C-alpha atoms as a PDB file:
ATOM      1  CA  MET A   1     -84.096 116.881  83.397  1.00  0.00           C
ATOM      2  CA  ASN A   2     -84.203 120.540  81.979  1.00  0.00           C
ATOM      3  CA  ILE A   3     -80.165 121.293  81.011  1.00  0.00           C
ATOM      4  CA  SER A   4     -80.300 125.062  80.587  1.00  0.00           C
ATOM      5  CA  THR A   5     -82.211 125.009  84.485  1.00  0.00           C
ATOM      6  CA  LEU A   6     -79.288 123.110  85.639  1.00  0.00           C
ATOM      7  CA  LYS A   7     -76.674 126.115  84.132  1.00  0.00           C
ATOM      8  CA  GLU A   8     -78.994 128.623  85.736  1.00  0.00           C
ATOM      9  CA  VAL A   9     -78.850 126.923  89.408  1.00  0.00           C
ATOM     10  CA  ILE A  10     -75.027 126.921  88.924  1.00  0.00           C
ATOM     11  CA  GLN A  11     -74.725 130.375  87.446  1.00  0.00           C
ATOM     12  CA  GLY A  12     -77.524 131.717  90.163  1.00  0.00           C
ATOM     13  CA  SER A  13     -75.340 130.114  92.643  1.00  0.00           C
ATOM     14  CA  TRP A  14     -72.050 131.150  91.868  1.00  0.00           C
ATOM     15  CA  SER A  15     -73.491 135.046  91.041  1.00  0.00           C
ATOM     16  CA  ASN A  16     -74.928 134.612  94.535  1.00  0.00           C
ATOM     17  CA  THR A  17     -78.391 135.400  92.933  1.00  0.00           C
ATOM     18  CA  LEU A  18     -79.993 131.877  94.082  1.00  0.00           C
ATOM     19  CA  ARG A  19     -80.076 130.862  97.749  1.00  0.00           C
ATOM     20  CA  PHE A  20     -79.958 126.912  98.800  1.00  0.00           C
ATOM     21  CA  PRO A  21     -83.963 126.795  98.972  1.00  0.00           C
ATOM     22  CA  GLU A  22     -84.342 128.440  95.725  1.00  0.00           C
ATOM     23  CA  VAL A  23     -82.102 125.895  94.216  1.00  0.00           C
ATOM     24  CA  VAL A  24     -83.321 123.361  95.912  1.00  0.00           C
ATOM     25  CA  GLY A  25     -87.039 124.064  94.522  1.00  0.00           C
ATOM     26  CA  LYS A  26     -86.009 124.687  90.676  1.00  0.00           C
ATOM     27  CA  LEU A  27     -84.128 121.304  91.102  1.00  0.00           C
ATOM     28  CA  MET A  28     -86.697 119.159  92.626  1.00  0.00           C
ATOM     29  CA  ALA A  29     -89.431 121.158  89.719  1.00  0.00           C
ATOM     30  CA  GLU A  30     -87.176 119.454  87.403  1.00  0.00           C
ATOM     31  CA  GLY A  31     -87.614 116.083  88.838  1.00  0.00           C
ATOM     32  CA  VAL A  32     -83.717 115.854  90.250  1.00  0.00           C
ATOM     33  CA  GLU A  33     -83.318 113.973  93.484  1.00  0.00           C
ATOM     34  CA  SER A  34     -80.326 114.300  94.235  1.00  0.00           C
ATOM     35  CA  TYR A  35     -76.940 116.018  93.489  1.00  0.00           C
ATOM     36  CA  HIS A  36     -73.368 115.270  93.965  1.00  0.00           C
ATOM     37  CA  VAL A  37     -70.952 118.462  93.822  1.00  0.00           C
ATOM     38  CA  ASP A  38     -67.462 116.747  93.439  1.00  0.00           C
ATOM     39  CA  LEU A  39     -64.807 119.575  94.698  1.00  0.00           C
ATOM     40  CA  VAL A  40     -61.914 117.810  93.310  1.00  0.00           C
ATOM     41  CA  ARG A  41     -62.732 117.797  89.858  1.00  0.00           C
ATOM     42  CA  ALA A  42     -65.524 121.083  89.855  1.00  0.00           C
ATOM     43  CA  GLU A  43     -68.025 119.132  88.847  1.00  0.00           C
ATOM     44  CA  ASN A  44     -71.661 118.356  89.454  1.00  0.00           C
ATOM     45  CA  ARG A  45     -73.451 115.337  89.018  1.00  0.00           C
ATOM     46  CA  TYR A  46     -77.323 115.626  89.206  1.00  0.00           C
ATOM     47  CA  TYR A  47     -80.019 112.901  89.212  1.00  0.00           C
ATOM     48  CA  THR A  48     -83.443 111.700  88.679  1.00  0.00           C
ATOM     49  CA  ALA A  49     -85.525 108.889  90.318  1.00  0.00           C
ATOM     50  CA  SER A  50     -86.172 107.624  86.655  1.00  0.00           C
ATOM     51  CA  GLY A  51     -82.479 107.186  86.233  1.00  0.00           C
ATOM     52  CA  GLN A  52     -81.486 110.089  84.484  1.00  0.00           C
ATOM     53  CA  HIS A  53     -78.441 111.780  84.912  1.00  0.00           C
ATOM     54  CA  HIS A  54     -76.375 114.637  83.872  1.00  0.00           C
ATOM     55  CA  VAL A  55     -72.627 116.099  85.048  1.00  0.00           C
ATOM     56  CA  GLU A  56     -72.129 120.102  84.584  1.00  0.00           C
ATOM     57  CA  SER A  57     -68.443 121.618  84.837  1.00  0.00           C
ATOM     58  CA  VAL A  58     -68.629 124.504  87.568  1.00  0.00           C
ATOM     59  CA  PRO A  59     -66.163 127.630  87.627  1.00  0.00           C
ATOM     60  CA  PHE A  60     -64.848 126.450  90.832  1.00  0.00           C
ATOM     61  CA  PRO A  61     -60.179 126.748  90.744  1.00  0.00           C
ATOM     62  CA  HIS A  62     -59.483 123.281  92.034  1.00  0.00           C
ATOM     63  CA  PRO A  63     -58.514 124.483  95.231  1.00  0.00           C
ATOM     64  CA  THR A  64     -56.939 121.409  97.270  1.00  0.00           C
ATOM     65  CA  ALA A  65     -59.068 120.395 100.698  1.00  0.00           C
ATOM     66  CA  ALA A  66     -57.321 120.421 103.940  1.00  0.00           C
ATOM     67  CA  GLN A  67     -56.298 116.853 105.104  1.00  0.00           C
ATOM     68  CA  GLU A  68     -57.736 116.588 108.007  1.00  0.00           C
ATOM     69  CA  PHE A  69     -62.073 116.994 108.290  1.00  0.00           C
ATOM     70  CA  SER A  70     -63.578 119.004 110.793  1.00  0.00           C
ATOM     71  CA  ALA A  71     -67.815 118.497 111.173  1.00  0.00           C
ATOM     72  CA  GLU A  72     -67.322 121.578 113.277  1.00  0.00           C
ATOM     73  CA  LYS A  73     -66.167 123.771 110.664  1.00  0.00           C
ATOM     74  CA  VAL A  74     -68.298 122.263 107.787  1.00  0.00           C
ATOM     75  CA  ALA A  75     -71.480 122.854 110.112  1.00  0.00           C
ATOM     76  CA  ALA A  76     -70.016 126.594 110.963  1.00  0.00           C
ATOM     77  CA  ALA A  77     -70.001 127.266 106.950  1.00  0.00           C
ATOM     78  CA  VAL A  78     -73.752 126.051 106.507  1.00  0.00           C
ATOM     79  CA  ARG A  79     -74.936 128.423 109.764  1.00  0.00           C
ATOM     80  CA  SER A  80     -73.050 131.258 107.852  1.00  0.00           C
ATOM     81  CA  SER A  81     -74.518 130.185 104.456  1.00  0.00           C
ATOM     82  CA  GLN A  82     -77.684 129.994 105.867  1.00  0.00           C
ATOM     83  CA  ALA A  83     -77.461 133.442 107.611  1.00  0.00           C
ATOM     84  CA  GLY A  84     -76.367 134.967 104.321  1.00  0.00           C
ATOM     85  CA  GLU A  85     -73.391 135.703 105.876  1.00  0.00           C
ATOM     86  CA  ILE A  86     -71.269 134.358 102.822  1.00  0.00           C
ATOM     87  CA  THR A  87     -71.552 133.326  99.384  1.00  0.00           C
ATOM     88  CA  TYR A  88     -71.668 129.938  97.525  1.00  0.00           C
ATOM     89  CA  PRO A  89     -67.708 130.729  96.388  1.00  0.00           C
ATOM     90  CA  GLN A  90     -67.148 131.537  99.983  1.00  0.00           C
ATOM     91  CA  PHE A  91     -69.189 128.752 101.807  1.00  0.00           C
ATOM     92  CA  LEU A  92     -67.241 126.012  98.886  1.00  0.00           C
ATOM     93  CA  GLN A  93     -63.704 127.957 100.235  1.00  0.00           C
ATOM     94  CA  ARG A  94     -64.915 126.799 103.828  1.00  0.00           C
ATOM     95  CA  ILE A  95     -65.798 123.888 103.443  1.00  0.00           C
ATOM     96  CA  MET A  96     -62.849 122.621 101.724  1.00  0.00           C
ATOM     97  CA  ASP A  97     -60.506 124.315 104.320  1.00  0.00           C
ATOM     98  CA  ALA A  98     -62.791 121.858 107.088  1.00  0.00           C
ATOM     99  CA  GLY A  99     -61.547 119.124 104.318  1.00  0.00           C
ATOM    100  CA  THR A 100     -64.742 118.789 102.238  1.00  0.00           C
ATOM    101  CA  VAL A 101     -64.152 116.559  99.009  1.00  0.00           C
ATOM    102  CA  TYR A 102     -67.684 116.118  98.167  1.00  0.00           C
ATOM    103  CA  TYR A 103     -70.638 116.644  99.118  1.00  0.00           C
ATOM    104  CA  ILE A 104     -74.234 115.269  97.998  1.00  0.00           C
ATOM    105  CA  ALA A 105     -77.641 117.053  98.388  1.00  0.00           C
ATOM    106  CA  CYS A 106     -80.442 113.947  98.686  1.00  0.00           C
ATOM    107  CA  LEU A 107     -83.324 116.461  97.750  1.00  0.00           C
ATOM    108  CA  ALA A 108     -86.020 113.675  98.930  1.00  0.00           C
ATOM    109  CA  GLY A 109     -84.503 113.009 101.462  1.00  0.00           C
ATOM    110  CA  ARG A 110     -84.066 117.007 102.680  1.00  0.00           C
ATOM    111  CA  ARG A 111     -80.272 116.275 103.982  1.00  0.00           C
ATOM    112  CA  VAL A 112     -76.560 117.116 102.774  1.00  0.00           C
ATOM    113  CA  ILE A 113     -73.927 114.504 103.339  1.00  0.00           C
ATOM    114  CA  TYR A 114     -70.286 116.000 103.723  1.00  0.00           C
ATOM    115  CA  LEU A 115     -67.361 113.635 102.931  1.00  0.00           C
ATOM    116  CA  GLY A 116     -63.859 114.067 103.639  1.00  0.00           C
ATOM    117  CA  ARG A 117     -60.846 112.224 102.384  1.00  0.00           C
ATOM    118  CA  LYS A 118     -60.689 109.637 104.525  1.00  0.00           C
ATOM    119  CA  GLY A 119     -64.770 108.745 104.730  1.00  0.00           C
ATOM    120  CA  ASP A 120     -65.396 110.847 107.645  1.00  0.00           C
ATOM    121  CA  CYS A 121     -68.663 112.559 106.788  1.00  0.00           C
ATOM    122  CA  HIS A 122     -70.789 114.860 108.616  1.00  0.00           C
ATOM    123  CA  VAL A 123     -74.691 115.155 108.092  1.00  0.00           C
ATOM    124  CA  GLU A 124     -76.984 118.377 107.814  1.00  0.00           C
ATOM    125  CA  HIS A 125     -80.644 118.103 107.698  1.00  0.00           C
ATOM    126  CA  PHE A 126     -82.692 120.789 105.640  1.00  0.00           C
ATOM    127  CA  PRO A 127     -84.270 123.354 108.038  1.00  0.00           C
ATOM    128  CA  PRO A 128     -87.576 123.045 108.282  1.00  0.00           C
ATOM    129  CA  ALA A 129     -89.723 125.950 106.036  1.00  0.00           C
ATOM    130  CA  PRO A 130     -90.634 128.946 107.163  1.00  0.00           C
ATOM    131  CA  ARG A 131     -94.350 128.872 108.307  1.00  0.00           C
END
């Protein structure tokens, strides 16, 4: 797992020069099987199938997530992001406003699991690849 690629992915996400499908492609090319975005601690954790792992701090200002979780609001934020209507920082703010405190991107399983304070969750499957 190349740490400079992980840093590049974080920077590209924050500067809106990399979209989620590009992030997934770069991470999978590095052998990343899943990653955990901790919105409370402002850090990302990356994991490979061989057991390697790495933690990177991210430039998130530690806002507080809403107390109540709304799967509908998370899904709406995902759709807005997929449509290119919002940036990654705006996406993070919207999912926190929806009560998300963590999310886990399971690249091998092609899904993202969003989690709230009380264990509420919402699962989004990756959209099909364009043909």
